[in-house]
């Protein structure tokens, strides 16, 4: 009787141990399979979503504040390569633009007659005092906007106001 009880206990322990081993190996196989699926999907997505740039030297945005020769502007920057369910691939950041002596401030003059000498839309030179809160601007710089919150603008271009809004 004791032998039979001992045998049942040993068999039960072996079943429990083997079940644990098979469960763990199945779990890790499932992880590696799902990891392979994620990798395959990311490779497919790479065709449609370009790598993030290492350097950003221009952006468009809206003026939120003006103090002396510093313009604050709000712009959307992509911070993750692939779309995220929560929308966190893009971040709205506020950057400080220093207006230096070499900063060109212009707007396009769509009312001017085209010139045969200089192709494209003629520009009107502006001063920093012509910039107002709420205006949409295009900013370019020689510095990397991703690495700095404050930079000196090479050019600030006032964008055209939407018609009929």
N, C-alpha and C. Protein backbone atom coordinates (compact mmCIF):
# COMPACT_ATOMS: atom_id res chain seq x y z
N UNK A 1 0.82 -1.19 0.00
CA UNK A 1 0.00 0.00 0.00
C UNK A 1 0.87 1.25 0.00
N UNK A 2 1.92 1.27 0.82
CA UNK A 2 2.83 2.41 0.90
C UNK A 2 3.54 2.63 -0.43
N UNK A 3 3.90 1.49 -1.10
CA UNK A 3 4.55 1.61 -2.41
C UNK A 3 3.62 2.25 -3.42
N UNK A 4 2.36 1.86 -3.38
CA UNK A 4 1.39 2.38 -4.32
C UNK A 4 1.18 3.88 -4.09
N UNK A 5 1.08 4.33 -2.85
CA UNK A 5 0.91 5.73 -2.52
C UNK A 5 2.15 6.53 -2.93
N UNK A 6 3.31 5.98 -2.67
CA UNK A 6 4.56 6.65 -3.07
C UNK A 6 4.63 6.79 -4.58
N UNK A 7 4.24 5.74 -5.29
CA UNK A 7 4.26 5.77 -6.75
C UNK A 7 3.30 6.85 -7.27
N UNK A 8 2.14 6.97 -6.69
CA UNK A 8 1.15 7.97 -7.11
C UNK A 8 1.70 9.38 -6.85
N UNK A 9 2.35 9.58 -5.72
CA UNK A 9 2.93 10.89 -5.40
C UNK A 9 4.04 11.25 -6.38
N UNK A 10 4.91 10.29 -6.69
CA UNK A 10 6.02 10.52 -7.63
C UNK A 10 5.46 10.85 -9.02
N UNK A 11 4.46 10.10 -9.47
CA UNK A 11 3.86 10.35 -10.79
C UNK A 11 3.20 11.73 -10.80
N UNK A 12 2.51 12.11 -9.74
CA UNK A 12 1.87 13.43 -9.67
C UNK A 12 2.91 14.54 -9.72
N UNK A 13 4.02 14.37 -9.00
CA UNK A 13 5.10 15.36 -9.02
C UNK A 13 5.69 15.47 -10.42
N UNK A 14 5.92 14.33 -11.08
CA UNK A 14 6.45 14.34 -12.44
C UNK A 14 5.49 15.05 -13.41
N UNK A 15 4.20 14.81 -13.25
CA UNK A 15 3.21 15.46 -14.11
C UNK A 15 3.23 16.97 -13.89
N UNK A 16 3.31 17.39 -12.64
CA UNK A 16 3.35 18.82 -12.33
C UNK A 16 4.61 19.46 -12.90
N UNK A 17 5.76 18.82 -12.71
CA UNK A 17 7.03 19.36 -13.22
C UNK A 17 7.02 19.42 -14.75
N UNK A 18 6.58 18.35 -15.40
CA UNK A 18 6.57 18.33 -16.87
C UNK A 18 5.57 19.36 -17.40
N UNK A 19 4.43 19.54 -16.72
CA UNK A 19 3.45 20.56 -17.14
C UNK A 19 4.07 21.95 -17.04
N UNK A 20 4.79 22.20 -15.97
CA UNK A 20 5.45 23.50 -15.80
C UNK A 20 6.48 23.74 -16.89
N UNK A 21 7.25 22.70 -17.22
CA UNK A 21 8.28 22.82 -18.27
C UNK A 21 7.62 23.09 -19.62
N UNK A 22 6.58 22.32 -19.97
CA UNK A 22 5.89 22.51 -21.25
C UNK A 22 5.21 23.88 -21.32
N UNK A 23 4.63 24.33 -20.21
CA UNK A 23 3.99 25.64 -20.17
C UNK A 23 5.01 26.74 -20.43
N UNK A 24 6.16 26.66 -19.76
CA UNK A 24 7.20 27.68 -19.91
C UNK A 24 7.75 27.69 -21.33
N UNK A 25 7.98 26.50 -21.90
CA UNK A 25 8.53 26.46 -23.27
C UNK A 25 7.50 26.97 -24.27
N UNK A 26 6.23 26.67 -24.05
CA UNK A 26 5.18 27.19 -24.93
C UNK A 26 5.05 28.70 -24.80
N UNK A 27 5.18 29.19 -23.59
CA UNK A 27 5.09 30.64 -23.34
C UNK A 27 6.23 31.37 -24.04
N UNK A 28 7.45 30.85 -23.92
CA UNK A 28 8.59 31.52 -24.57
C UNK A 28 8.51 31.37 -26.08
N UNK A 29 7.97 30.24 -26.57
CA UNK A 29 7.80 30.09 -28.02
C UNK A 29 6.78 31.10 -28.52
N UNK A 30 5.73 31.33 -27.74
CA UNK A 30 4.72 32.33 -28.11
C UNK A 30 5.30 33.72 -28.13
N UNK A 31 6.18 34.02 -27.17
CA UNK A 31 6.82 35.33 -27.14
C UNK A 31 7.70 35.52 -28.37
N UNK A 32 8.48 34.51 -28.69
CA UNK A 32 9.37 34.66 -29.84
C UNK A 32 8.56 34.76 -31.13
N UNK A 33 7.43 34.06 -31.19
CA UNK A 33 6.57 34.14 -32.37
C UNK A 33 5.95 35.54 -32.49
N UNK A 34 5.47 36.09 -31.38
CA UNK A 34 4.89 37.43 -31.44
C UNK A 34 5.97 38.47 -31.71
N UNK A 35 7.17 38.25 -31.18
CA UNK A 35 8.28 39.17 -31.47
C UNK A 35 8.61 39.15 -32.96
N UNK A 36 8.56 37.97 -33.56
CA UNK A 36 8.81 37.86 -35.01
C UNK A 36 7.72 38.59 -35.79
N UNK A 37 6.46 38.46 -35.34
CA UNK A 37 5.37 39.14 -36.01
C UNK A 37 5.52 40.66 -35.92
N UNK A 38 5.91 41.16 -34.74
CA UNK A 38 6.11 42.59 -34.56
C UNK A 38 7.24 43.07 -35.47
N UNK A 39 8.31 42.32 -35.53
CA UNK A 39 9.45 42.69 -36.39
C UNK A 39 9.03 42.71 -37.85
N UNK A 40 8.25 41.72 -38.29
CA UNK A 40 7.78 41.67 -39.67
C UNK A 40 6.88 42.87 -39.98
N UNK A 41 5.98 43.20 -39.05
CA UNK A 41 5.10 44.35 -39.26
C UNK A 41 5.88 45.65 -39.30
N UNK A 42 6.89 45.79 -38.43
CA UNK A 42 7.69 47.02 -38.45
C UNK A 42 8.45 47.14 -39.76
N UNK A 43 8.96 46.03 -40.28
CA UNK A 43 9.67 46.09 -41.57
C UNK A 43 8.71 46.52 -42.68
N UNK A 44 7.46 46.05 -42.61
CA UNK A 44 6.46 46.46 -43.60
C UNK A 44 6.17 47.95 -43.47
N UNK A 45 6.05 48.42 -42.24
CA UNK A 45 5.75 49.83 -42.00
C UNK A 45 6.90 50.76 -42.41
N UNK A 46 8.12 50.25 -42.36
CA UNK A 46 9.28 51.08 -42.73
C UNK A 46 9.18 51.59 -44.15
N UNK A 47 8.44 50.88 -44.99
CA UNK A 47 8.25 51.32 -46.37
C UNK A 47 7.45 52.62 -46.40
N UNK A 48 6.50 52.75 -45.48
CA UNK A 48 5.59 53.89 -45.50
C UNK A 48 6.00 55.02 -44.58
N UNK A 49 6.80 54.73 -43.56
CA UNK A 49 7.18 55.75 -42.58
C UNK A 49 8.70 55.92 -42.59
N UNK A 50 9.12 57.05 -43.11
CA UNK A 50 10.56 57.34 -43.22
C UNK A 50 11.18 57.45 -41.83
N UNK A 51 12.48 57.17 -41.73
CA UNK A 51 13.15 57.36 -40.43
C UNK A 51 13.06 58.82 -40.00
N UNK A 52 13.11 59.03 -38.70
CA UNK A 52 13.08 60.40 -38.19
C UNK A 52 14.36 61.12 -38.61
N UNK A 53 14.26 62.39 -38.95
CA UNK A 53 15.46 63.13 -39.31
C UNK A 53 16.36 63.34 -38.10
N UNK A 54 17.66 63.37 -38.34
CA UNK A 54 18.60 63.64 -37.25
C UNK A 54 18.70 65.13 -36.98
N UNK A 55 18.38 65.93 -38.01
CA UNK A 55 18.48 67.37 -37.87
C UNK A 55 17.26 68.03 -38.53
N UNK A 56 16.64 68.95 -37.82
CA UNK A 56 15.51 69.72 -38.36
C UNK A 56 15.92 71.19 -38.31
N UNK A 57 15.92 71.83 -39.48
CA UNK A 57 16.35 73.23 -39.55
C UNK A 57 15.23 74.17 -39.98
N UNK A 58 14.02 73.64 -40.19
CA UNK A 58 12.91 74.51 -40.54
C UNK A 58 11.61 73.90 -40.04
N UNK A 59 10.64 74.77 -39.77
CA UNK A 59 9.33 74.31 -39.29
C UNK A 59 8.32 75.42 -39.50
N UNK A 60 7.06 75.04 -39.53
CA UNK A 60 5.99 76.02 -39.56
C UNK A 60 5.26 75.97 -38.23
N UNK A 61 4.68 77.07 -37.86
CA UNK A 61 3.97 77.11 -36.59
C UNK A 61 3.25 78.43 -36.40
N UNK A 62 2.71 78.60 -35.21
CA UNK A 62 1.93 79.79 -34.88
C UNK A 62 2.64 80.58 -33.79
N UNK A 63 2.70 81.89 -33.95
CA UNK A 63 3.30 82.76 -32.94
C UNK A 63 2.39 82.78 -31.71
N UNK A 64 2.97 82.48 -30.54
CA UNK A 64 2.18 82.46 -29.31
C UNK A 64 2.52 83.61 -28.37
N UNK A 65 3.72 84.19 -28.55
CA UNK A 65 4.16 85.25 -27.64
C UNK A 65 5.32 86.00 -28.30
N UNK A 66 5.41 87.30 -28.03
CA UNK A 66 6.52 88.11 -28.55
C UNK A 66 7.06 88.94 -27.41
N UNK A 67 8.38 88.84 -27.17
CA UNK A 67 9.06 89.64 -26.15
C UNK A 67 10.34 90.21 -26.75
N UNK A 68 10.39 91.50 -26.93
CA UNK A 68 11.56 92.18 -27.50
C UNK A 68 11.95 91.51 -28.81
N UNK A 69 13.13 90.93 -28.87
CA UNK A 69 13.58 90.31 -30.12
C UNK A 69 13.47 88.77 -30.05
N UNK A 70 12.55 88.28 -29.23
CA UNK A 70 12.32 86.84 -29.15
C UNK A 70 10.85 86.55 -29.47
N UNK A 71 10.66 85.63 -30.40
CA UNK A 71 9.32 85.21 -30.81
C UNK A 71 9.15 83.76 -30.36
N UNK A 72 8.07 83.48 -29.67
CA UNK A 72 7.74 82.11 -29.27
C UNK A 72 6.78 81.55 -30.31
N UNK A 73 7.09 80.35 -30.81
CA UNK A 73 6.15 79.77 -31.75
C UNK A 73 5.90 78.31 -31.42
N UNK A 74 4.67 77.90 -31.68
CA UNK A 74 4.20 76.55 -31.38
C UNK A 74 4.19 75.76 -32.68
N UNK A 75 4.81 74.59 -32.65
CA UNK A 75 4.89 73.77 -33.85
C UNK A 75 4.79 72.29 -33.47
N UNK A 76 4.39 71.48 -34.40
CA UNK A 76 4.28 70.04 -34.18
C UNK A 76 5.52 69.36 -34.74
N UNK A 77 6.17 68.58 -33.89
CA UNK A 77 7.36 67.84 -34.29
C UNK A 77 7.09 66.35 -34.14
N UNK A 78 7.53 65.57 -35.09
CA UNK A 78 7.39 64.10 -35.02
C UNK A 78 8.52 63.57 -34.14
N UNK A 79 8.16 62.81 -33.09
CA UNK A 79 9.17 62.32 -32.15
C UNK A 79 9.29 60.79 -32.16
N UNK A 80 8.36 60.11 -32.81
CA UNK A 80 8.44 58.64 -32.95
C UNK A 80 8.20 58.29 -34.41
N UNK A 81 8.91 57.28 -34.88
CA UNK A 81 8.82 56.94 -36.30
C UNK A 81 7.46 56.39 -36.69
N UNK A 82 6.92 55.48 -35.89
CA UNK A 82 5.69 54.80 -36.26
C UNK A 82 4.50 55.40 -35.52
N UNK A 83 3.32 55.38 -36.14
CA UNK A 83 2.13 55.91 -35.46
C UNK A 83 1.86 55.14 -34.16
N UNK A 84 1.39 55.86 -33.17
CA UNK A 84 1.06 55.26 -31.88
C UNK A 84 -0.45 55.39 -31.68
N UNK A 85 -1.03 54.42 -31.00
CA UNK A 85 -2.48 54.43 -30.77
C UNK A 85 -2.92 55.68 -30.02
N UNK A 86 -2.06 56.17 -29.14
CA UNK A 86 -2.42 57.35 -28.35
C UNK A 86 -2.02 58.67 -29.02
N UNK A 87 -1.48 58.59 -30.23
CA UNK A 87 -1.09 59.80 -30.96
C UNK A 87 0.21 60.42 -30.49
N UNK A 88 0.99 59.69 -29.70
CA UNK A 88 2.20 60.26 -29.11
C UNK A 88 3.38 60.34 -30.08
N UNK A 89 3.17 59.99 -31.35
CA UNK A 89 4.28 60.11 -32.30
C UNK A 89 4.58 61.56 -32.63
N UNK A 90 3.64 62.45 -32.38
CA UNK A 90 3.82 63.88 -32.60
C UNK A 90 3.72 64.62 -31.28
N UNK A 91 4.55 65.65 -31.14
CA UNK A 91 4.49 66.49 -29.95
C UNK A 91 4.40 67.94 -30.37
N UNK A 92 3.55 68.68 -29.69
CA UNK A 92 3.47 70.12 -29.92
C UNK A 92 4.47 70.77 -28.97
N UNK A 93 5.44 71.47 -29.55
CA UNK A 93 6.49 72.11 -28.76
C UNK A 93 6.48 73.61 -29.00
N UNK A 94 6.85 74.35 -27.98
CA UNK A 94 7.00 75.80 -28.12
C UNK A 94 8.50 76.10 -28.14
N UNK A 95 8.94 76.74 -29.20
CA UNK A 95 10.35 77.09 -29.39
C UNK A 95 10.50 78.60 -29.35
N UNK A 96 11.69 79.06 -28.89
CA UNK A 96 12.01 80.49 -28.86
C UNK A 96 12.88 80.81 -30.07
N UNK A 97 12.44 81.80 -30.82
CA UNK A 97 13.21 82.24 -31.99
C UNK A 97 13.84 83.58 -31.66
N UNK A 98 15.18 83.64 -31.70
CA UNK A 98 15.86 84.92 -31.52
C UNK A 98 15.97 85.59 -32.89
N UNK A 99 15.60 86.84 -32.94
CA UNK A 99 15.72 87.59 -34.19
C UNK A 99 17.04 88.35 -34.13
N UNK A 100 17.98 87.91 -34.94
CA UNK A 100 19.29 88.54 -34.99
C UNK A 100 19.37 89.59 -36.08
N UNK A 101 20.53 90.23 -36.19
CA UNK A 101 20.69 91.27 -37.20
C UNK A 101 20.65 90.69 -38.62
N UNK A 102 20.98 89.41 -38.76
CA UNK A 102 20.96 88.78 -40.08
C UNK A 102 19.67 88.04 -40.39
N UNK A 103 18.70 88.12 -39.50
CA UNK A 103 17.44 87.41 -39.72
C UNK A 103 16.61 88.12 -40.78
N UNK A 104 16.24 87.39 -41.79
CA UNK A 104 15.42 87.92 -42.88
C UNK A 104 13.95 87.65 -42.51
N UNK A 105 13.12 88.71 -42.50
CA UNK A 105 11.70 88.58 -42.21
C UNK A 105 10.94 89.05 -43.44
N UNK A 106 10.16 88.15 -44.04
CA UNK A 106 9.48 88.46 -45.30
C UNK A 106 8.08 87.86 -45.33
N UNK A 107 7.30 88.34 -46.29
CA UNK A 107 6.04 87.68 -46.64
C UNK A 107 5.92 87.74 -48.15
N UNK A 108 5.20 86.79 -48.71
CA UNK A 108 5.01 86.75 -50.17
C UNK A 108 3.94 87.76 -50.55
N UNK A 109 4.18 88.46 -51.66
CA UNK A 109 3.23 89.45 -52.16
C UNK A 109 2.49 88.83 -53.34
N UNK A 110 1.33 88.25 -53.06
CA UNK A 110 0.57 87.57 -54.11
C UNK A 110 -0.18 88.56 -55.01
N UNK A 111 -0.21 89.82 -54.60
CA UNK A 111 -0.90 90.83 -55.41
C UNK A 111 0.02 91.46 -56.45
N UNK A 112 1.33 91.27 -56.32
CA UNK A 112 2.27 91.89 -57.24
C UNK A 112 2.26 91.16 -58.58
N UNK A 113 2.54 91.92 -59.63
CA UNK A 113 2.61 91.33 -60.97
C UNK A 113 3.88 90.46 -61.07
N UNK A 114 3.78 89.32 -61.70
CA UNK A 114 4.97 88.48 -61.85
C UNK A 114 6.05 89.18 -62.65
N UNK A 115 7.28 88.89 -62.33
CA UNK A 115 8.42 89.51 -63.00
C UNK A 115 9.12 88.47 -63.87
N UNK A 116 9.56 88.91 -65.03
CA UNK A 116 10.30 88.00 -65.90
C UNK A 116 11.75 87.88 -65.43
N UNK A 117 12.21 88.86 -64.68
CA UNK A 117 13.60 88.86 -64.21
C UNK A 117 13.77 87.89 -63.05
N UNK A 118 12.89 87.97 -62.06
CA UNK A 118 12.98 87.07 -60.90
C UNK A 118 11.73 86.20 -60.86
N UNK A 119 11.89 84.91 -61.17
CA UNK A 119 10.72 84.02 -61.16
C UNK A 119 10.21 83.81 -59.73
N UNK A 120 8.97 83.39 -59.64
CA UNK A 120 8.38 83.13 -58.33
C UNK A 120 7.57 84.31 -57.84
N UNK A 121 7.08 84.19 -56.64
CA UNK A 121 6.24 85.23 -56.04
C UNK A 121 7.15 86.28 -55.39
N UNK A 122 6.93 87.56 -55.69
CA UNK A 122 7.75 88.61 -55.07
C UNK A 122 7.57 88.63 -53.55
N UNK A 123 8.61 89.09 -52.86
CA UNK A 123 8.58 89.16 -51.40
C UNK A 123 8.53 90.60 -50.93
N UNK A 124 7.91 90.77 -49.77
CA UNK A 124 7.90 92.08 -49.11
C UNK A 124 8.72 91.92 -47.84
N UNK A 125 9.72 92.79 -47.67
CA UNK A 125 10.54 92.75 -46.45
C UNK A 125 9.75 93.34 -45.29
N UNK A 126 9.83 92.67 -44.15
CA UNK A 126 9.14 93.12 -42.94
C UNK A 126 10.13 93.39 -41.83
N UNK A 127 9.63 93.99 -40.77
CA UNK A 127 10.43 94.20 -39.56
C UNK A 127 9.85 93.32 -38.47
N UNK A 128 10.59 93.13 -37.39
CA UNK A 128 10.10 92.28 -36.30
C UNK A 128 8.81 92.82 -35.71
N UNK A 129 8.60 94.13 -35.77
CA UNK A 129 7.38 94.74 -35.25
C UNK A 129 6.14 94.38 -36.06
N UNK A 130 6.33 93.85 -37.28
CA UNK A 130 5.20 93.46 -38.12
C UNK A 130 4.64 92.09 -37.73
N UNK A 131 5.38 91.36 -36.91
CA UNK A 131 4.92 90.03 -36.48
C UNK A 131 3.92 90.19 -35.34
N UNK A 132 2.84 89.41 -35.38
CA UNK A 132 1.78 89.49 -34.38
C UNK A 132 1.44 88.10 -33.84
N UNK A 133 0.96 88.06 -32.61
CA UNK A 133 0.54 86.81 -32.00
C UNK A 133 -0.60 86.20 -32.82
N UNK A 134 -0.53 84.90 -33.04
CA UNK A 134 -1.56 84.18 -33.80
C UNK A 134 -1.22 83.99 -35.27
N UNK A 135 -0.20 84.71 -35.77
CA UNK A 135 0.16 84.56 -37.18
C UNK A 135 0.89 83.23 -37.40
N UNK A 136 0.67 82.67 -38.59
CA UNK A 136 1.36 81.44 -38.99
C UNK A 136 2.66 81.84 -39.67
N UNK A 137 3.76 81.17 -39.27
CA UNK A 137 5.07 81.50 -39.82
C UNK A 137 5.83 80.24 -40.20
N UNK A 138 6.77 80.43 -41.10
CA UNK A 138 7.75 79.41 -41.46
C UNK A 138 9.08 79.94 -40.95
N UNK A 139 9.83 79.11 -40.24
CA UNK A 139 11.10 79.54 -39.66
C UNK A 139 12.20 78.62 -40.17
N UNK A 140 13.33 79.19 -40.56
CA UNK A 140 14.50 78.38 -40.90
C UNK A 140 15.70 78.88 -40.10
N UNK A 141 16.60 77.96 -39.82
CA UNK A 141 17.78 78.27 -39.02
C UNK A 141 18.92 77.36 -39.45
N UNK A 142 20.12 77.67 -39.02
CA UNK A 142 21.26 76.80 -39.27
C UNK A 142 21.43 75.79 -38.14
N UNK A 143 20.67 75.97 -37.06
CA UNK A 143 20.79 75.12 -35.88
C UNK A 143 19.76 73.99 -35.93
N UNK A 144 19.99 72.97 -35.10
CA UNK A 144 19.07 71.83 -35.05
C UNK A 144 17.94 72.12 -34.06
N UNK A 145 16.74 72.27 -34.57
CA UNK A 145 15.58 72.58 -33.72
C UNK A 145 15.23 71.44 -32.76
N UNK A 146 15.62 70.22 -33.11
CA UNK A 146 15.31 69.09 -32.24
C UNK A 146 16.11 69.11 -30.95
N UNK A 147 17.30 69.71 -31.01
CA UNK A 147 18.19 69.70 -29.86
C UNK A 147 18.08 70.96 -29.00
N UNK A 148 17.44 72.00 -29.53
CA UNK A 148 17.41 73.28 -28.80
C UNK A 148 16.00 73.80 -28.69
N UNK A 149 15.74 74.48 -27.58
CA UNK A 149 14.45 75.16 -27.42
C UNK A 149 14.54 76.61 -27.85
N UNK A 150 15.77 77.11 -28.01
CA UNK A 150 15.99 78.51 -28.40
C UNK A 150 17.08 78.53 -29.48
N UNK A 151 16.82 79.27 -30.55
CA UNK A 151 17.78 79.35 -31.65
C UNK A 151 17.60 80.67 -32.39
N UNK A 152 18.61 81.05 -33.15
CA UNK A 152 18.54 82.27 -33.95
C UNK A 152 18.02 81.93 -35.33
N UNK A 153 17.01 82.64 -35.78
CA UNK A 153 16.39 82.38 -37.08
C UNK A 153 17.24 82.98 -38.20
N UNK A 154 17.37 82.22 -39.29
CA UNK A 154 17.98 82.75 -40.50
C UNK A 154 16.91 83.49 -41.29
N UNK A 155 15.69 82.91 -41.30
CA UNK A 155 14.57 83.52 -42.01
C UNK A 155 13.27 83.23 -41.28
N UNK A 156 12.42 84.23 -41.24
CA UNK A 156 11.05 84.07 -40.76
C UNK A 156 10.16 84.52 -41.90
N UNK A 157 9.31 83.62 -42.35
CA UNK A 157 8.41 83.93 -43.46
C UNK A 157 6.98 83.91 -42.94
N UNK A 158 6.32 85.05 -43.08
CA UNK A 158 4.92 85.15 -42.68
C UNK A 158 4.10 84.43 -43.74
N UNK A 159 3.30 83.46 -43.30
CA UNK A 159 2.50 82.69 -44.24
C UNK A 159 1.19 83.40 -44.54
N UNK A 160 0.66 83.16 -45.71
CA UNK A 160 -0.58 83.82 -46.15
C UNK A 160 -1.74 83.42 -45.26
N UNK A 161 -2.58 84.36 -44.95
CA UNK A 161 -3.80 84.12 -44.18
C UNK A 161 -4.78 83.37 -45.05
N UNK A 162 -5.47 82.36 -44.50
CA UNK A 162 -6.47 81.64 -45.30
C UNK A 162 -7.61 82.59 -45.73
N UNK A 163 -8.08 82.41 -46.93
CA UNK A 163 -9.15 83.27 -47.46
C UNK A 163 -10.50 82.70 -47.04
N UNK A 164 -11.38 83.55 -46.58
CA UNK A 164 -12.73 83.14 -46.27
C UNK A 164 -12.92 82.49 -44.91
N UNK A 165 -11.93 82.59 -44.05
CA UNK A 165 -12.08 81.97 -42.73
C UNK A 165 -12.19 83.06 -41.68
